[in-house]
Amino acid sequence: MEGISLLKSQRLAVLPIDSYDLDSELSIVDSHEYGGEYDTFTFGSWSSHVLGNGSGADSDTAFRPHEGSLALTELGKQLPNIMSLVTEHFPLDRLQWIRVFSLRDGIISPHVDFLEWAKPGLRVQVPLRTSDEALHSENDVVYGIRRGEVWKIHSTDPHSARSTSQVARLSLCLDFAEADEPLAIRNDVPATEPIRVVARPEPTAAELEELIAAGKEFTLETMRAHFRPFAALHFERHAHATAAFDWYVEAARRSGDEDIVAKAQAFRTYCIEKRGDGEAFVW
């Protein structure tokens, strides 16, 4: 399938995830509070839950590279089976962050990770609970990650994720230093399913016009909420992830308000082009 050849993200392994009793621990994650650090990028219900970082502090939730060893947070200490999954299959010497991402009836804006830092790390995800309704995108490819699959996410190209399910998709996210070094995964099992790439039809002119025409209703107060269908369309129709911003800026021009156009352009810059360490986007 053509999409597989274009996909830069890689399935590295499959873990024997059914060997781990995770249900009660996933319920703990479901009820864990999220501070909203990444609300700029997310629409619907998305949250990040830190199990391990450089400090061990629950309040230390904003991702950044760090020197030194990994420390478990209070949440991480409550999840011994998830932590066993990590320690039994992954090298720990380069591991810097352990998080679980929750996505329920939500979407992440197309974005590029590690823009803030000169040297990107290596990011892998392992779904712990998921469904066919949970999808990832990278450039113009949309693909699914099954429960227990270990995927190296190509984070420095525009990418996104969406789930339309009302049950939260929970994905273990591990960040390692030294992106160029291979990741030695232990005790994996053979893959029995092919990589899942989702075929989508081309968008019609009428669909794009209906989407862009919504810009006539944009105000500075409502334009954030208006972005969600722009981000969602490339999961349904064959288009590059960054097309969401092209459509959004064009829609903003329909408002006739230069401040709205400037804000739409600034959001594109922040998500996929340039942002500083600690820089927050203000809608």
Protein backbone atom coordinates (compact mmCIF):
# COMPACT_ATOMS: atom_id res chain seq x y z
CA MET A 1 0.00 0.00 0.00
CA GLU A 2 1.39 3.37 -1.01
CA GLY A 3 0.81 5.02 2.36
CA ILE A 4 3.09 2.54 4.13
CA SER A 5 6.02 3.46 1.91
CA LEU A 6 5.46 7.15 2.68
CA LEU A 7 5.13 6.66 6.43
CA LYS A 8 8.19 7.76 8.39
CA SER A 9 6.84 6.56 11.73
CA GLN A 10 7.76 2.90 12.29
CA ARG A 11 6.26 -0.09 14.04
CA LEU A 12 9.23 -1.33 16.06
CA ALA A 13 7.72 -4.28 17.89
CA VAL A 14 4.62 -5.86 19.38
CA LEU A 15 4.49 -6.48 23.13
CA PRO A 16 2.68 -9.36 24.91
CA ILE A 17 0.34 -6.82 26.48
CA ASP A 18 -2.25 -9.41 27.54
CA SER A 19 0.33 -10.73 29.99
CA TYR A 20 -0.18 -7.63 32.11
CA ASP A 21 -3.23 -6.92 34.29
CA LEU A 22 -3.84 -3.32 33.31
CA ASP A 23 -7.59 -2.72 33.67
CA SER A 24 -7.56 -1.43 37.25
CA GLU A 25 -4.56 0.78 36.54
CA LEU A 26 -6.15 2.24 33.43
CA SER A 27 -9.11 3.20 35.63
CA ILE A 28 -6.70 5.11 37.87
CA VAL A 29 -5.45 7.03 34.83
CA ASP A 30 -9.06 7.70 33.78
CA SER A 31 -9.74 9.43 37.09
CA HIS A 32 -6.41 11.28 37.32
CA GLU A 33 -6.64 15.07 36.98
CA TYR A 34 -4.95 16.89 34.12
CA GLY A 35 -3.63 20.44 34.43
CA GLY A 36 -4.32 21.57 30.87
CA GLU A 37 -0.72 22.35 29.86
CA TYR A 38 -1.32 21.44 26.22
CA ASP A 39 -4.83 22.82 25.74
CA THR A 40 -3.58 25.07 22.94
CA PHE A 41 -3.07 22.03 20.71
CA THR A 42 -6.08 19.95 21.74
CA PHE A 43 -9.81 19.96 21.05
CA GLY A 44 -12.34 17.77 22.80
CA SER A 45 -11.03 15.55 25.59
CA TRP A 46 -7.23 15.07 25.53
CA SER A 47 -4.99 14.85 28.58
CA SER A 48 -1.43 13.92 29.56
CA HIS A 49 -0.59 11.99 32.73
CA VAL A 50 3.02 11.86 33.92
CA LEU A 51 4.34 8.61 35.43
CA GLY A 52 8.02 9.51 35.34
CA ASN A 53 10.12 12.62 34.70
CA GLY A 54 13.36 14.23 35.81
CA SER A 55 12.10 15.41 39.18
CA GLY A 56 9.46 12.95 40.38
CA ALA A 57 7.13 15.89 41.07
CA ASP A 58 3.50 15.52 40.02
CA SER A 59 3.46 19.23 39.21
CA ASP A 60 6.33 18.81 36.70
CA THR A 61 4.20 18.16 33.61
CA ALA A 62 5.61 20.30 30.77
CA PHE A 63 7.81 18.10 28.61
CA ARG A 64 11.43 19.09 28.10
CA PRO A 65 14.72 17.22 27.76
CA HIS A 66 16.63 16.81 31.02
CA GLU A 67 19.91 15.48 32.33
CA GLY A 68 20.10 12.79 34.93
CA SER A 69 17.99 9.78 35.80
CA LEU A 70 14.26 9.18 35.67
CA ALA A 71 12.13 9.55 38.81
CA LEU A 72 8.63 8.16 39.30
CA THR A 73 5.80 10.50 40.17
CA GLU A 74 3.13 9.60 42.71
CA LEU A 75 0.95 8.49 39.80
CA GLY A 76 3.73 6.27 38.46
CA LYS A 77 4.08 4.62 41.86
CA GLN A 78 0.37 3.69 41.74
CA LEU A 79 0.77 1.85 38.43
CA PRO A 80 3.18 -1.08 39.01
CA ASN A 81 1.89 -3.19 36.12
CA ILE A 82 2.28 -0.40 33.58
CA MET A 83 5.73 0.26 34.98
CA SER A 84 6.57 -3.45 34.65
CA LEU A 85 5.60 -3.22 30.97
CA VAL A 86 8.13 -0.41 30.64
CA THR A 87 10.99 -1.93 32.61
CA GLU A 88 10.69 -5.43 31.12
CA HIS A 89 10.75 -4.33 27.49
CA PHE A 90 12.61 -1.01 27.16
CA PRO A 91 16.11 0.24 28.00
CA LEU A 92 16.02 2.63 30.94
CA ASP A 93 19.35 4.42 30.59
CA ARG A 94 18.07 6.87 27.94
CA LEU A 95 14.47 7.06 29.17
CA GLN A 96 13.54 10.61 30.24
CA TRP A 97 9.73 10.79 30.41
CA ILE A 98 6.92 8.28 30.90
CA ARG A 99 3.43 9.54 30.21
CA VAL A 100 0.01 8.21 29.32
CA PHE A 101 -2.00 10.21 26.80
CA SER A 102 -5.79 10.05 27.03
CA LEU A 103 -7.92 10.91 23.99
CA ARG A 104 -11.71 10.70 24.03
CA ASP A 105 -13.91 12.29 21.38
CA GLY A 106 -11.04 14.65 20.67
CA ILE A 107 -8.33 15.68 18.27
CA ILE A 108 -4.82 17.10 18.46
CA SER A 109 -3.99 19.95 16.11
CA PRO A 110 -1.44 19.02 13.45
CA HIS A 111 1.89 19.98 14.97
CA VAL A 112 5.64 19.39 14.96
CA ASP A 113 7.30 18.31 18.20
CA PHE A 114 10.68 19.44 19.51
CA LEU A 115 10.61 22.83 17.72
CA GLU A 116 11.74 24.37 20.99
CA TRP A 117 14.99 22.42 21.16
CA ALA A 118 17.92 22.05 18.80
CA LYS A 119 18.19 18.30 19.34
CA PRO A 120 15.04 16.17 19.12
CA GLY A 121 14.58 13.03 21.15
CA LEU A 122 13.07 9.67 20.30
CA ARG A 123 9.37 9.19 21.09
CA VAL A 124 7.51 5.90 21.09
CA GLN A 125 3.87 5.15 21.80
CA VAL A 126 2.20 1.92 22.89
CA PRO A 127 -1.61 1.93 23.03
CA LEU A 128 -2.85 0.33 26.25
CA ARG A 129 -6.54 0.76 25.39
CA THR A 130 -7.68 1.69 21.91
CA SER A 131 -10.21 1.10 19.14
CA ASP A 132 -10.50 1.42 15.37
CA GLU A 133 -11.84 4.94 15.93
CA ALA A 134 -8.44 6.11 17.20
CA LEU A 135 -6.13 7.22 14.38
CA HIS A 136 -2.81 8.97 13.86
CA SER A 137 -1.73 11.08 10.92
CA GLU A 138 1.66 11.99 9.50
CA ASN A 139 1.95 14.38 6.56
CA ASP A 140 -0.75 13.05 4.18
CA VAL A 141 -0.98 9.51 5.64
CA VAL A 142 -3.56 8.37 8.21
CA TYR A 143 -2.85 5.16 10.11
CA GLY A 144 -3.95 3.16 13.12
CA ILE A 145 -1.88 1.75 15.99
CA ARG A 146 -3.16 -1.41 17.65
CA ARG A 147 -3.04 -2.24 21.33
CA GLY A 148 0.43 -3.40 22.31
CA GLU A 149 2.15 -2.22 19.14
CA VAL A 150 5.30 -0.15 19.75
CA TRP A 151 5.56 2.76 17.33
CA LYS A 152 8.39 5.18 16.88
CA ILE A 153 6.55 8.42 16.10
CA HIS A 154 8.24 10.63 13.52
CA SER A 155 7.58 13.75 15.55
CA THR A 156 9.51 16.27 13.45
CA ASP A 157 7.05 16.08 10.53
CA PRO A 158 3.52 17.47 10.90
CA HIS A 159 1.36 14.87 12.63
CA SER A 160 -1.87 14.58 14.55
CA ALA A 161 -4.17 12.14 16.36
CA ARG A 162 -7.93 11.79 16.62
CA SER A 163 -10.42 9.52 18.33
CA THR A 164 -14.18 9.75 17.88
CA SER A 165 -14.83 7.13 20.57
CA GLN A 166 -16.53 8.02 23.84
CA VAL A 167 -14.19 5.56 25.61
CA ALA A 168 -10.80 7.13 26.26
CA ARG A 169 -7.96 5.79 24.19
CA LEU A 170 -4.95 5.48 26.51
CA SER A 171 -1.48 5.41 24.96
CA LEU A 172 1.79 4.97 26.80
CA CYS A 173 4.31 7.58 25.59
CA LEU A 174 8.02 7.08 26.25
CA ASP A 175 10.59 9.75 25.46
CA PHE A 176 14.24 8.76 25.10
CA ALA A 177 17.38 10.82 24.61
CA GLU A 178 19.56 10.31 21.52
CA ALA A 179 17.06 10.07 18.68
CA ASP A 180 19.60 8.57 16.28
CA GLU A 181 20.47 5.61 18.50
CA PRO A 182 18.54 2.36 17.89
CA LEU A 183 16.09 1.29 20.60
CA ALA A 184 16.70 -2.22 21.94
CA ILE A 185 13.27 -3.66 22.76
CA ARG A 186 13.26 -6.94 24.70
CA ASN A 187 10.81 -9.84 24.95
CA ASP A 188 8.55 -8.76 22.11
CA VAL A 189 6.30 -11.12 20.12
CA PRO A 190 5.87 -11.55 16.36
CA ALA A 191 3.48 -9.19 14.60
CA THR A 192 0.42 -11.00 13.26
CA GLU A 193 -1.38 -8.05 11.66
CA PRO A 194 -0.26 -5.80 8.79
CA ILE A 195 0.32 -2.11 9.37
CA ARG A 196 -3.03 -0.34 9.12
CA VAL A 197 -3.11 2.60 6.71
CA VAL A 198 -6.48 4.27 6.08
CA ALA A 199 -7.50 5.13 2.52
CA ARG A 200 -9.46 8.38 2.17
CA PRO A 201 -11.19 9.93 -0.84
CA GLU A 202 -10.15 13.33 -2.16
CA PRO A 203 -12.08 16.30 -0.74
CA THR A 204 -14.62 17.79 -3.10
CA ALA A 205 -14.72 21.45 -4.00
CA ALA A 206 -18.13 21.70 -2.31
CA GLU A 207 -16.79 20.22 0.95
CA LEU A 208 -13.88 22.63 1.03
CA GLU A 209 -16.07 25.60 0.24
CA GLU A 210 -18.48 24.67 3.04
CA LEU A 211 -15.57 24.41 5.47
CA ILE A 212 -13.88 27.65 4.44
CA ALA A 213 -17.15 29.59 4.27
CA ALA A 214 -17.45 29.14 8.04
CA GLY A 215 -14.80 31.83 8.35
CA LYS A 216 -17.51 34.45 7.87
CA GLU A 217 -18.65 33.53 11.39
CA PHE A 218 -15.17 33.77 12.98
CA THR A 219 -14.62 36.17 15.84
CA LEU A 220 -11.51 36.47 17.99
CA GLU A 221 -13.49 34.83 20.79
CA THR A 222 -14.79 31.87 18.76
CA MET A 223 -12.05 31.14 16.24
CA ARG A 224 -10.30 28.60 18.48
CA ALA A 225 -13.41 26.41 18.63
CA HIS A 226 -13.84 26.77 14.87
CA PHE A 227 -10.47 25.11 14.22
CA ARG A 228 -11.57 21.59 15.16
CA PRO A 229 -13.37 20.69 11.87
CA PHE A 230 -10.38 21.99 9.91
CA ALA A 231 -8.09 19.60 11.78
CA ALA A 232 -10.60 16.75 11.47
CA LEU A 233 -11.10 16.89 7.71
CA HIS A 234 -7.73 15.42 6.76
CA PHE A 235 -8.64 12.29 8.73
CA GLU A 236 -11.69 11.87 6.48
CA ARG A 237 -10.32 13.12 3.16
CA HIS A 238 -6.94 12.69 1.47
CA ALA A 239 -5.02 15.85 2.36
CA HIS A 240 -1.79 16.80 4.05
CA ALA A 241 -1.98 17.54 7.77
CA THR A 242 -0.84 21.11 7.13
CA ALA A 243 -3.77 21.66 4.76
CA ALA A 244 -5.82 22.27 7.92
CA PHE A 245 -3.90 25.53 8.39
CA ASP A 246 -4.17 26.52 4.71
CA TRP A 247 -7.95 26.11 4.88
CA TYR A 248 -8.12 27.84 8.26
CA VAL A 249 -6.18 30.91 7.14
CA GLU A 250 -8.30 31.13 3.98
CA ALA A 251 -11.43 30.90 6.13
CA ALA A 252 -10.08 33.63 8.41
CA ARG A 253 -9.79 35.91 5.37
CA ARG A 254 -13.53 35.46 4.79
CA SER A 255 -14.08 37.23 8.11
CA GLY A 256 -12.67 40.47 6.70
CA ASP A 257 -10.84 41.06 10.00
CA GLU A 258 -7.06 41.43 9.75
CA ASP A 259 -6.62 40.55 13.43
CA ILE A 260 -8.38 37.22 12.88
CA VAL A 261 -6.20 36.49 9.84
CA ALA A 262 -3.06 37.33 11.83
CA LYS A 263 -4.14 35.07 14.69
CA ALA A 264 -4.80 32.16 12.29
CA GLN A 265 -1.38 32.63 10.70
CA ALA A 266 0.27 32.84 14.12
CA PHE A 267 -1.35 29.56 15.17
CA ARG A 268 0.07 27.87 12.08
CA THR A 269 3.53 29.21 12.92
CA TYR A 270 3.29 28.06 16.54
CA CYS A 271 2.12 24.53 15.68
CA ILE A 272 4.34 23.58 12.76
CA GLU A 273 7.01 26.20 12.10
CA LYS A 274 8.57 27.92 15.11
CA ARG A 275 8.10 28.34 18.86
CA GLY A 276 10.39 29.06 21.77
CA ASP A 277 11.06 27.03 24.89
CA GLY A 278 8.19 27.72 27.27
CA GLU A 279 6.34 29.87 24.73
CA ALA A 280 2.58 29.76 25.19
CA PHE A 281 0.13 30.58 22.42
CA VAL A 282 -2.61 32.93 23.53
CA TRP A 283 -5.87 32.75 21.64
